[in-house]
Protein backbone atom coordinates (compact mmCIF):
# COMPACT_ATOMS: atom_id res chain seq x y z
CA MET A 1 181.49 -135.28 49.26
CA THR A 2 179.93 -135.28 45.82
CA ASP A 3 181.28 -134.07 42.56
CA ALA A 4 178.56 -131.70 41.58
CA VAL A 5 175.46 -130.19 43.49
CA ILE A 6 172.98 -128.50 41.28
CA ILE A 7 170.50 -126.12 42.83
CA GLY A 8 167.17 -126.08 41.06
CA GLY A 9 165.89 -128.78 38.57
CA GLY A 10 164.79 -126.78 35.65
CA LEU A 11 165.92 -127.22 31.93
CA ALA A 12 169.51 -126.10 32.45
CA GLY A 13 170.00 -127.86 35.73
CA LEU A 14 168.41 -131.12 34.30
CA VAL A 15 170.72 -131.05 31.22
CA SER A 16 173.91 -130.33 33.31
CA SER A 17 173.13 -133.16 35.58
CA ILE A 18 172.71 -135.70 32.72
CA GLU A 19 175.84 -134.54 30.91
CA LEU A 20 177.87 -134.92 34.06
CA ALA A 21 176.27 -138.21 35.27
CA ARG A 22 176.93 -139.68 31.75
CA ARG A 23 180.60 -138.81 32.21
CA GLY A 24 180.76 -140.89 35.33
CA PHE A 25 180.38 -138.06 37.89
CA SER A 26 178.39 -138.09 41.12
CA VAL A 27 175.60 -135.49 40.90
CA ILE A 28 172.87 -134.43 43.26
CA VAL A 29 169.93 -132.00 42.17
CA ILE A 30 168.15 -130.22 44.94
CA GLU A 31 164.73 -128.96 43.79
CA ARG A 32 162.19 -127.35 46.04
CA LYS A 33 159.17 -128.89 44.18
CA HIS A 34 158.25 -132.47 43.19
CA TYR A 35 158.06 -133.56 39.52
CA PRO A 36 155.96 -133.01 37.44
CA PHE A 37 154.89 -129.47 38.01
CA HIS A 38 154.07 -126.35 36.04
CA ARG A 39 156.28 -123.38 35.53
CA VAL A 40 155.43 -119.82 34.14
CA CYS A 41 156.98 -120.12 30.70
CA GLY A 42 156.09 -119.55 26.99
CA GLU A 43 156.75 -123.31 26.26
CA TYR A 44 158.19 -122.91 22.84
CA VAL A 45 161.64 -124.41 22.04
CA SER A 46 163.73 -123.39 19.13
CA ASN A 47 164.83 -126.22 16.74
CA GLU A 48 168.39 -125.11 17.33
CA VAL A 49 168.59 -127.52 20.38
CA ARG A 50 166.43 -130.38 18.96
CA PRO A 51 169.23 -132.54 17.72
CA TYR A 52 171.12 -132.06 20.88
CA LEU A 53 168.19 -133.20 23.12
CA GLU A 54 167.64 -136.09 20.84
CA GLY A 55 171.24 -137.10 21.35
CA LEU A 56 170.84 -136.89 25.05
CA GLY A 57 168.35 -139.67 24.65
CA LEU A 58 165.13 -137.60 24.68
CA LYS A 59 162.51 -139.00 22.24
CA ILE A 60 160.85 -135.74 21.33
CA ASN A 61 158.46 -137.07 18.91
CA GLU A 62 156.98 -139.36 21.47
CA LEU A 63 156.30 -136.48 23.75
CA GLY A 64 153.47 -135.13 21.40
CA VAL A 65 155.22 -131.83 20.64
CA LYS A 66 153.55 -129.56 18.20
CA GLU A 67 155.74 -128.31 15.20
CA ILE A 68 155.69 -124.49 14.77
CA GLN A 69 156.79 -122.85 11.68
CA ARG A 70 155.14 -119.40 11.58
CA PHE A 71 155.07 -116.32 13.71
CA CYS A 72 152.72 -113.40 13.93
CA PHE A 73 152.31 -110.38 16.20
CA THR A 74 149.40 -107.97 16.71
CA SER A 75 149.24 -104.50 17.86
CA PRO A 76 146.92 -103.49 20.61
CA SER A 77 144.31 -102.38 18.03
CA GLY A 78 144.38 -105.71 16.38
CA ARG A 79 146.60 -105.13 13.36
CA VAL A 80 148.45 -108.26 12.28
CA LEU A 81 151.86 -109.09 10.88
CA GLU A 82 152.88 -112.67 10.00
CA THR A 83 156.16 -114.19 8.82
CA ASP A 84 157.85 -117.70 8.64
CA LEU A 85 160.30 -118.89 11.13
CA ASP A 86 163.35 -120.00 9.15
CA LEU A 87 164.47 -122.44 11.84
CA GLY A 88 161.24 -123.20 13.50
CA GLY A 89 160.63 -124.95 16.80
CA PHE A 90 158.30 -127.09 18.79
CA GLY A 91 155.68 -126.53 21.56
CA ILE A 92 155.72 -128.58 24.63
CA SER A 93 154.74 -127.88 28.27
CA ARG A 94 157.39 -127.61 31.02
CA TYR A 95 155.29 -129.91 32.99
CA LYS A 96 156.02 -132.77 30.34
CA LEU A 97 159.49 -131.67 29.09
CA ASP A 98 161.01 -131.29 32.72
CA TYR A 99 159.47 -134.48 33.72
CA ALA A 100 160.90 -136.37 30.85
CA LEU A 101 164.36 -135.07 31.45
CA TYR A 102 164.03 -135.73 35.22
CA GLU A 103 163.21 -139.45 34.37
CA LEU A 104 166.23 -139.56 31.90
CA ALA A 105 168.42 -137.95 34.58
CA GLN A 106 167.45 -140.66 37.14
CA LYS A 107 168.18 -143.50 34.47
CA VAL A 108 171.78 -142.10 34.08
CA GLY A 109 172.40 -141.98 37.94
CA VAL A 110 171.55 -138.50 38.95
CA LYS A 111 170.44 -138.29 42.66
CA PHE A 112 167.52 -136.05 43.42
CA VAL A 113 166.58 -134.21 46.68
CA LEU A 114 163.01 -132.94 46.05
CA GLY A 115 161.07 -130.74 48.21
CA GLU A 116 164.04 -128.96 49.65
CA THR A 117 165.04 -125.30 49.55
CA VAL A 118 168.84 -124.39 49.58
CA GLU A 119 169.38 -121.62 52.34
CA SER A 120 173.06 -121.03 51.81
CA VAL A 121 176.16 -122.00 49.89
CA GLU A 122 179.63 -121.47 51.62
CA PHE A 123 182.82 -121.93 49.82
CA ALA A 124 186.14 -122.80 51.65
CA SER A 125 189.34 -124.67 50.91
CA GLU A 126 188.21 -125.66 47.43
CA GLU A 127 184.87 -127.07 48.91
CA CYS A 128 181.36 -125.98 48.80
CA ARG A 129 178.93 -126.51 51.65
CA ILE A 130 175.25 -126.39 50.79
CA LYS A 131 172.55 -126.16 53.63
CA THR A 132 168.81 -126.56 53.16
CA SER A 133 165.87 -125.17 55.06
CA ASN A 134 165.35 -128.59 56.56
CA LYS A 135 168.96 -128.69 57.97
CA LEU A 136 170.36 -131.03 55.20
CA ASP A 137 174.03 -130.55 54.59
CA PHE A 138 175.99 -131.33 51.42
CA SER A 139 179.48 -130.96 50.27
CA ALA A 140 180.55 -130.69 46.77
CA LYS A 141 183.62 -129.91 44.56
CA ILE A 142 181.42 -127.58 42.38
CA VAL A 143 177.87 -125.99 42.49
CA LEU A 144 175.68 -124.93 39.61
CA GLY A 145 172.82 -122.60 40.24
CA SER A 146 169.74 -123.28 38.18
CA PHE A 147 167.21 -121.70 40.47
CA GLY A 148 165.07 -119.90 37.94
CA LYS A 149 163.77 -116.41 37.52
CA ASN A 150 163.10 -115.28 41.14
CA SER A 151 164.74 -117.06 43.99
CA LYS A 152 165.60 -116.84 47.59
CA MET A 153 169.18 -117.73 46.56
CA ASP A 154 169.55 -114.55 44.64
CA LYS A 155 168.98 -112.60 47.75
CA ALA A 156 170.97 -114.97 49.88
CA LEU A 157 173.94 -114.28 47.52
CA ASP A 158 173.15 -110.54 47.52
CA ARG A 159 173.07 -110.36 43.73
CA ASP A 160 173.32 -106.94 42.22
CA PHE A 161 169.88 -107.02 40.43
CA THR A 162 167.95 -107.83 43.73
CA HIS A 163 168.51 -104.33 44.85
CA LYS A 164 166.41 -103.01 42.17
CA LYS A 165 162.53 -103.51 42.18
CA SER A 166 161.23 -105.22 39.05
CA PRO A 167 158.06 -104.06 37.69
CA TYR A 168 157.16 -107.41 35.87
CA VAL A 169 154.44 -110.06 36.50
CA GLY A 170 154.30 -113.11 34.47
CA VAL A 171 150.84 -115.02 34.07
CA LYS A 172 150.38 -118.53 32.36
CA TYR A 173 147.37 -120.57 31.49
CA HIS A 174 146.87 -123.82 29.57
CA ILE A 175 143.85 -123.60 27.31
CA ARG A 176 141.98 -125.43 24.51
CA THR A 177 140.94 -123.20 21.76
CA ASP A 178 140.59 -122.83 17.88
CA PHE A 179 144.09 -121.57 16.83
CA PRO A 180 146.55 -122.73 14.14
CA GLN A 181 148.99 -125.48 15.64
CA ASP A 182 151.82 -124.49 13.46
CA LEU A 183 151.70 -120.74 14.50
CA ILE A 184 153.10 -118.81 17.62
CA ALA A 185 151.46 -115.39 18.00
CA LEU A 186 152.32 -112.47 20.10
CA HIS A 187 149.56 -110.09 20.93
CA ASN A 188 150.29 -106.62 22.32
CA PHE A 189 148.35 -104.75 24.87
CA LYS A 190 148.98 -101.72 27.01
CA ASP A 191 152.04 -102.27 29.24
CA GLY A 192 152.61 -105.97 28.09
CA TYR A 193 152.29 -108.76 25.55
CA CYS A 194 150.74 -112.18 25.40
CA GLY A 195 151.98 -115.25 23.63
CA ILE A 196 150.02 -118.19 22.55
CA SER A 197 151.25 -121.51 20.81
CA ALA A 198 150.27 -125.08 20.82
CA ILE A 199 151.57 -127.85 23.04
CA GLU A 200 150.93 -131.40 23.48
CA GLU A 201 147.45 -132.99 23.90
CA ASP A 202 145.86 -130.44 21.72
CA LYS A 203 146.35 -127.83 24.42
CA TYR A 204 147.83 -124.28 24.05
CA CYS A 205 150.24 -122.28 26.37
CA LEU A 206 148.77 -118.79 26.90
CA CYS A 207 151.47 -116.69 28.78
CA TYR A 208 151.69 -113.01 29.18
CA LEU A 209 153.82 -110.41 30.66
CA THR A 210 152.60 -107.14 32.22
CA THR A 211 153.19 -104.76 35.21
CA ARG A 212 152.38 -104.84 38.82
CA ASP A 213 151.03 -101.34 38.34
CA ASN A 214 148.52 -102.74 35.88
CA VAL A 215 147.33 -105.42 38.24
CA ARG A 216 147.16 -102.87 41.16
CA LYS A 217 145.09 -100.40 39.14
CA HIS A 218 142.43 -102.95 38.36
CA GLY A 219 142.57 -104.88 41.68
CA SER A 220 142.82 -108.25 40.38
CA ILE A 221 144.37 -110.33 37.50
CA SER A 222 140.98 -111.12 36.14
CA GLU A 223 139.77 -107.49 36.16
CA MET A 224 143.08 -106.39 34.55
CA GLU A 225 142.51 -108.97 31.87
CA LYS A 226 139.02 -107.82 30.96
CA ASN A 227 140.08 -103.99 31.06
CA VAL A 228 143.39 -104.26 29.62
CA LEU A 229 144.09 -107.33 27.49
CA TRP A 230 140.72 -107.56 26.04
CA LYS A 231 141.10 -104.25 24.20
CA ASN A 232 143.16 -106.25 21.75
CA PRO A 233 140.39 -107.95 19.78
CA HIS A 234 142.49 -111.19 19.27
CA LEU A 235 142.92 -111.56 22.96
CA HIS A 236 139.34 -110.72 23.61
CA ARG A 237 138.38 -113.67 21.41
CA ILE A 238 140.88 -115.98 22.90
CA PHE A 239 139.72 -115.26 26.57
CA ASN A 240 135.98 -115.61 25.56
CA LYS A 241 136.07 -118.29 23.30
CA SER A 242 138.49 -120.80 24.95
CA GLU A 243 138.30 -123.55 27.60
CA PHE A 244 140.73 -122.58 30.44
CA LEU A 245 142.34 -125.81 32.08
CA TYR A 246 143.52 -124.39 35.36
CA GLU A 247 141.40 -123.25 38.25
CA ARG A 248 143.72 -120.37 38.56
CA PRO A 249 146.72 -119.18 36.64
CA GLU A 250 150.43 -119.81 37.27
CA VAL A 251 151.86 -116.45 38.45
CA ILE A 252 155.44 -115.21 39.07
CA ASN A 253 156.15 -111.61 40.46
CA GLU A 254 159.06 -109.26 40.38
CA PHE A 255 161.61 -111.16 38.02
CA SER A 256 164.33 -109.22 36.43
CA PHE A 257 165.47 -108.78 32.92
CA SER A 258 168.52 -106.87 34.03
CA PRO A 259 171.86 -108.39 33.09
CA LYS A 260 173.23 -110.90 35.65
CA LYS A 261 176.60 -112.29 36.53
CA THR A 262 177.16 -115.81 35.33
CA VAL A 263 179.46 -116.79 38.23
CA GLU A 264 178.63 -115.71 41.81
CA ASN A 265 180.44 -116.90 44.95
CA HIS A 266 182.04 -119.62 42.75
CA ILE A 267 178.59 -121.00 41.61
CA LEU A 268 178.06 -121.34 37.79
CA MET A 269 174.86 -119.92 37.04
CA VAL A 270 172.72 -121.49 34.31
CA GLY A 271 169.40 -120.97 32.65
CA ASP A 272 167.25 -117.96 34.00
CA ALA A 273 169.70 -117.67 36.94
CA ALA A 274 172.41 -116.56 34.49
CA GLY A 275 170.21 -114.25 32.38
CA LEU A 276 166.55 -113.92 31.33
CA ILE A 277 165.71 -113.46 27.70
CA THR A 278 162.44 -111.43 27.21
CA PRO A 279 159.47 -113.57 26.40
CA LEU A 280 159.25 -111.55 23.15
CA CYS A 281 162.04 -113.67 21.70
CA GLY A 282 160.72 -117.05 22.82
CA ASN A 283 164.13 -118.66 23.27
CA GLY A 284 164.65 -118.80 26.90
CA MET A 285 164.23 -122.64 26.89
CA ALA A 286 166.74 -123.09 24.13
CA ILE A 287 169.22 -120.86 25.82
CA ALA A 288 168.72 -122.67 29.29
CA ILE A 289 169.41 -126.09 27.45
CA HIS A 290 172.53 -124.82 25.57
CA GLY A 291 173.80 -122.96 28.63
CA GLY A 292 173.37 -126.08 30.64
CA LYS A 293 175.44 -128.10 28.04
CA ILE A 294 178.17 -125.48 28.13
CA ALA A 295 178.57 -125.46 32.06
CA ALA A 296 178.58 -129.29 32.21
CA GLU A 297 181.39 -129.58 29.56
CA LEU A 298 183.57 -127.00 31.26
CA THR A 299 182.72 -128.55 34.79
CA ALA A 300 183.74 -132.01 33.48
CA ASP A 301 187.11 -130.47 32.43
CA PHE A 302 187.49 -128.98 35.85
CA LEU A 303 186.54 -132.23 37.62
CA HIS A 304 189.10 -134.13 35.52
CA GLN A 305 191.67 -131.54 36.65
CA LYS A 306 192.26 -130.45 33.04
CA ILE A 307 191.48 -126.80 34.20
CA ASN A 308 191.67 -125.18 37.51
CA ARG A 309 188.72 -123.27 39.11
CA GLN A 310 189.74 -119.91 37.95
CA GLN A 311 190.12 -121.22 34.37
CA LEU A 312 186.72 -122.86 34.69
CA GLU A 313 184.93 -119.53 35.91
CA ASP A 314 186.73 -117.25 33.41
CA SER A 315 186.01 -119.64 30.48
CA TYR A 316 182.39 -120.07 31.40
CA GLN A 317 181.78 -116.42 31.63
CA GLN A 318 183.42 -115.80 28.38
CA LEU A 319 181.70 -118.74 26.58
CA TRP A 320 178.37 -117.73 27.84
CA LYS A 321 178.85 -113.99 26.87
CA ASP A 322 180.11 -115.05 23.30
CA GLU A 323 176.90 -117.44 22.83
CA PHE A 324 174.06 -115.37 24.43
CA SER A 325 174.95 -111.81 25.30
CA VAL A 326 173.91 -110.35 21.92
CA ARG A 327 170.74 -112.38 21.87
CA LEU A 328 169.75 -111.05 25.21
CA TRP A 329 170.62 -107.44 24.24
CA ILE A 330 168.55 -107.79 21.18
CA GLY A 331 165.68 -109.10 23.13
CA ARG A 332 165.75 -106.35 25.71
CA THR A 333 166.19 -103.52 22.96
CA VAL A 334 163.20 -104.77 20.86
CA GLN A 335 161.09 -105.38 23.86
CA ARG A 336 160.97 -101.53 24.35
CA LEU A 337 158.95 -101.33 21.25
CA PHE A 338 156.15 -103.51 22.76
CA GLY A 339 153.88 -102.83 25.56
CA ASP A 340 153.64 -99.24 24.42
CA GLU A 341 150.54 -98.68 22.48
CA TRP A 342 152.01 -95.97 20.12
CA LEU A 343 155.46 -97.76 19.71
CA SER A 344 153.91 -101.23 19.09
CA GLU A 345 151.75 -99.77 16.29
CA LEU A 346 154.82 -98.01 14.80
CA ALA A 347 156.83 -101.23 15.11
CA LEU A 348 154.14 -103.11 13.21
CA SER A 349 153.86 -100.53 10.44
CA SER A 350 157.78 -100.55 10.09
CA PHE A 351 158.21 -104.28 9.97
CA SER A 352 155.35 -104.56 7.55
CA LEU A 353 157.21 -102.20 5.28
CA ALA A 354 160.40 -104.12 5.71
CA LYS A 355 159.71 -107.78 6.49
CA PRO A 356 163.48 -108.65 5.79
CA LEU A 357 164.21 -106.55 8.85
CA LEU A 358 161.78 -108.55 10.96
CA ARG A 359 163.34 -111.85 9.88
CA PHE A 360 166.74 -110.42 10.62
CA VAL A 361 165.58 -109.58 14.30
CA ILE A 362 164.12 -113.07 14.67
CA SER A 363 167.24 -114.82 13.25
CA LYS A 364 169.30 -112.91 15.75
CA THR A 365 167.37 -114.15 18.66
CA HIS A 366 167.98 -117.70 17.52
CA GLY A 367 171.39 -119.51 17.80
CA LYS A 368 173.12 -122.04 15.68
CA VAL A 369 171.91 -125.77 15.65
CA ILE A 370 173.99 -127.64 18.33
CA THR A 371 174.37 -131.37 18.66
């Protein structure tokens, strides 16, 4: 019996594990891959969580992050709108950030089981039983789910959103190119949008969202890029004037932006497992970090027997809703303006005439600074 098992070693899971281990609890993280590894992600972190991460012991400035203070987006025809980011943020790859948090977690006593996939979680008599694909068996007082955008665990738990097909495909590259390091850009194209921003070692994250239909129509990702993305002149320049550092891109299919339950089968969901913010808002990493903090603090109260399981679950659902539901709703709502050629042109014109409205929308997708 261990105090807590965390399924998935993404940002939220790593933060939760560190918080709980620092409070003296026994924690096991089960992750299907081996660190360090890449994830499909925009790799921009809002400064709202920077003081908190530094308080955890993460030496952010030593990771080679790039400071980002400006934002621009372009319509499919190439028209540009730019504004300042009041709070700002920093660029860092998940390859580097997750590995730094993994090393920090090990230092504070978190145990890791890597290369294992969780097959089932059963709850009985106030005990959680976790079984993996390689027949490993764990028992815990509490389980946190940090298994990302699209996991076998979602289907094993028969979560509501898994019954609906999602049309989305996410693609990520690391590149070297000529682009301002203090700027994050969002370039629209038919049925999608592509973000670019600086990360460590003078590299850039180039990550886009599109539909399966777009890929099917053109037969492959590379052909779809040439025939769809390149119609935006900014993307045409990036794809033709950059050094691509992967042999092939990181790709994820059929992940859902639908609202998700934050507690399923007594598992506290954190990060993308709790709710996926649209890439348009670029704050999924900050939300995952903040959500992991909230889950760990309430879990600590439960393990200290200050609250019972029902109070834990009710409090977590309410706090998560209070902190993030509006941000996710705004992200999903504004997303409808993009990917559609006519609507994205209209949105750019409207925001150009009313820049305070654009800054208001941006502010509503960022949270308050946490420590």
